[in-house]
């Protein structure tokens, strides 16, 4: 499901912006909703918000994860139950360049998180040392997912 969503978002956004790259716009939720790129099943009842199957918010944006001149697509799942977080990350991390897991945002002001406090890279390269790559490790993922009763999962593709 995540791989299909990633592909649909990437294709839809690059087509919409007539570019082979994801636009450098940090918040793309409304753009994706209005362009009907988001799967119908992921829209809230009033169709103005993206939600995941555990009823938390989902945000779409772009993010730089290395010194590349182009941003990467970012997809953030907020308030994922910690018991589901580990399974979800372990099954889906391979579709991303980087996965960050940790404390959920308690309120939803919207948008992709930019602060790393209470969150850590569980898969892929780290910003601090681009030569270092985190391998997927169930113990590390479990620890990150269990920082509270709900977790934030940020995929950077």
Protein backbone atom coordinates (compact mmCIF):
# COMPACT_ATOMS: atom_id res chain seq x y z
CA UNK A 1 0.00 0.00 0.00
CA UNK A 2 2.75 2.50 0.92
CA UNK A 3 4.66 1.79 -2.29
CA UNK A 4 1.51 2.33 -4.36
CA UNK A 5 0.72 5.56 -2.50
CA UNK A 6 4.31 6.79 -2.97
CA UNK A 7 4.15 6.05 -6.71
CA UNK A 8 0.74 7.68 -7.13
CA UNK A 9 1.84 10.83 -5.27
CA UNK A 10 5.14 11.08 -7.13
CA UNK A 11 3.49 10.60 -10.54
CA UNK A 12 0.63 12.97 -9.76
CA UNK A 13 2.78 15.75 -8.35
CA UNK A 14 5.44 15.62 -11.06
CA UNK A 15 2.70 15.61 -13.70
CA UNK A 16 0.90 18.50 -12.04
CA UNK A 17 4.08 20.58 -11.88
CA UNK A 18 5.25 19.35 -15.31
CA UNK A 19 8.61 18.35 -13.91
CA UNK A 20 10.54 15.17 -13.30
CA UNK A 21 11.30 16.36 -9.74
CA UNK A 22 9.11 16.83 -6.68
CA UNK A 23 8.45 20.56 -6.19
CA UNK A 24 10.27 22.33 -3.38
CA UNK A 25 7.10 23.01 -1.44
CA UNK A 26 7.12 21.82 2.12
CA UNK A 27 3.36 21.30 2.45
CA UNK A 28 1.57 19.57 -0.38
CA UNK A 29 -1.56 18.23 1.36
CA UNK A 30 -4.05 20.63 -0.23
CA UNK A 31 -2.36 20.43 -3.62
CA UNK A 32 -2.62 16.63 -3.60
CA UNK A 33 -6.23 16.65 -2.33
CA UNK A 34 -7.41 19.26 -4.86
CA UNK A 35 -5.66 17.46 -7.72
CA UNK A 36 -7.38 14.23 -6.64
CA UNK A 37 -4.03 12.46 -6.24
CA UNK A 38 -4.83 11.16 -2.74
CA UNK A 39 -6.77 7.86 -2.65
CA UNK A 40 -10.41 8.48 -1.70
CA UNK A 41 -10.17 6.01 1.22
CA UNK A 42 -7.52 8.23 2.85
CA UNK A 43 -9.65 11.38 2.91
CA UNK A 44 -11.51 12.57 6.00
CA UNK A 45 -15.32 12.74 5.90
CA UNK A 46 -15.29 16.37 4.76
CA UNK A 47 -12.48 15.58 2.28
CA UNK A 48 -10.16 18.36 3.47
CA UNK A 49 -7.67 16.25 5.41
CA UNK A 50 -5.64 13.11 4.73
CA UNK A 51 -5.90 10.35 7.35
CA UNK A 52 -4.45 6.86 7.76
CA UNK A 53 -6.25 3.66 8.76
CA UNK A 54 -5.63 4.35 12.48
CA UNK A 55 -7.39 7.75 12.06
CA UNK A 56 -4.31 9.92 12.56
CA UNK A 57 -3.31 12.65 10.16
CA UNK A 58 -1.06 12.18 7.14
CA UNK A 59 0.97 14.99 5.60
CA UNK A 60 2.67 15.23 2.21
CA UNK A 61 5.57 17.52 1.52
CA UNK A 62 9.10 17.72 0.23
CA UNK A 63 12.28 17.38 2.23
CA UNK A 64 16.01 17.55 1.58
CA UNK A 65 17.84 14.58 3.08
CA UNK A 66 21.25 15.14 1.59
CA UNK A 67 23.15 17.73 -0.40
CA UNK A 68 21.06 17.07 -3.49
CA UNK A 69 19.73 20.11 -5.31
CA UNK A 70 16.30 18.47 -5.48
CA UNK A 71 14.02 17.69 -2.56
CA UNK A 72 12.58 14.25 -1.99
CA UNK A 73 8.93 13.35 -1.46
CA UNK A 74 8.07 13.13 2.25
CA UNK A 75 5.07 11.34 3.72
CA UNK A 76 4.34 11.66 7.42
CA UNK A 77 1.99 9.46 9.44
CA UNK A 78 1.09 10.97 12.83
CA UNK A 79 -0.47 9.22 15.83
CA UNK A 80 0.18 5.65 14.72
CA UNK A 81 -0.56 3.27 17.63
CA UNK A 82 2.81 2.10 18.97
CA UNK A 83 1.81 -1.57 18.67
CA UNK A 84 1.09 -1.07 14.95
CA UNK A 85 4.11 1.17 14.33
CA UNK A 86 6.71 -1.59 14.53
CA UNK A 87 4.87 -3.85 12.07
CA UNK A 88 4.18 -0.99 9.68
CA UNK A 89 7.77 0.29 9.65
CA UNK A 90 9.30 -3.18 9.34
CA UNK A 91 7.04 -3.97 6.36
CA UNK A 92 7.41 -0.65 4.54
CA UNK A 93 10.82 0.92 5.27
CA UNK A 94 12.45 -0.67 2.23
CA UNK A 95 10.38 1.61 -0.04
CA UNK A 96 11.98 4.76 1.40
CA UNK A 97 15.43 6.35 1.36
CA UNK A 98 15.05 7.26 5.01
CA UNK A 99 12.55 6.56 7.81
CA UNK A 100 12.33 8.61 11.00
CA UNK A 101 10.24 7.38 13.95
CA UNK A 102 9.45 8.91 17.31
CA UNK A 103 7.12 11.10 19.29
CA UNK A 104 3.88 12.11 17.60
CA UNK A 105 2.83 15.71 17.40
CA UNK A 106 0.22 16.14 20.13
CA UNK A 107 -1.74 18.65 18.10
CA UNK A 108 -2.03 18.82 14.37
CA UNK A 109 -0.98 22.27 13.19
CA UNK A 110 -0.30 20.56 9.87
CA UNK A 111 2.78 19.86 7.86
CA UNK A 112 5.91 17.79 7.86
CA UNK A 113 7.93 17.97 11.08
CA UNK A 114 11.22 19.81 10.83
CA UNK A 115 12.51 19.26 14.37
CA UNK A 116 14.28 16.05 15.33
CA UNK A 117 13.61 16.22 19.07
CA UNK A 118 12.28 12.89 20.31
CA UNK A 119 12.69 11.28 16.89
CA UNK A 120 15.41 9.20 15.30
CA UNK A 121 16.41 7.74 11.97
CA UNK A 122 15.64 4.01 12.01
CA UNK A 123 16.47 3.38 8.36
CA UNK A 124 18.63 5.10 5.74
CA UNK A 125 21.23 7.85 5.86
CA UNK A 126 21.41 10.36 8.67
CA UNK A 127 21.71 14.11 8.13
CA UNK A 128 24.63 14.39 10.49
CA UNK A 129 26.76 11.84 8.63
CA UNK A 130 25.67 11.06 5.08
CA UNK A 131 28.18 8.22 4.89
CA UNK A 132 26.46 6.43 7.77
CA UNK A 133 23.43 4.33 6.91
CA UNK A 134 21.09 2.86 9.47
CA UNK A 135 20.09 -0.71 8.70
CA UNK A 136 16.57 -1.76 9.60
CA UNK A 137 16.73 -3.22 13.09
CA UNK A 138 13.63 -4.42 14.93
CA UNK A 139 15.00 -3.46 18.36
CA UNK A 140 15.73 0.12 17.29
CA UNK A 141 12.36 0.44 15.54
CA UNK A 142 10.56 -0.95 18.62
CA UNK A 143 12.33 1.51 20.93
CA UNK A 144 11.47 4.45 18.66
CA UNK A 145 7.84 3.34 18.24
CA UNK A 146 7.40 2.90 21.99
CA UNK A 147 8.47 6.40 23.07
CA UNK A 148 4.76 7.03 23.73
CA UNK A 149 1.40 5.37 23.04
CA UNK A 150 1.37 6.79 19.51
CA UNK A 151 4.24 7.36 17.12
CA UNK A 152 5.13 9.60 14.23
CA UNK A 153 6.54 7.91 11.13
CA UNK A 154 8.21 10.10 8.50
CA UNK A 155 9.11 8.48 5.19
CA UNK A 156 11.48 10.29 2.84
CA UNK A 157 11.45 8.74 -0.63
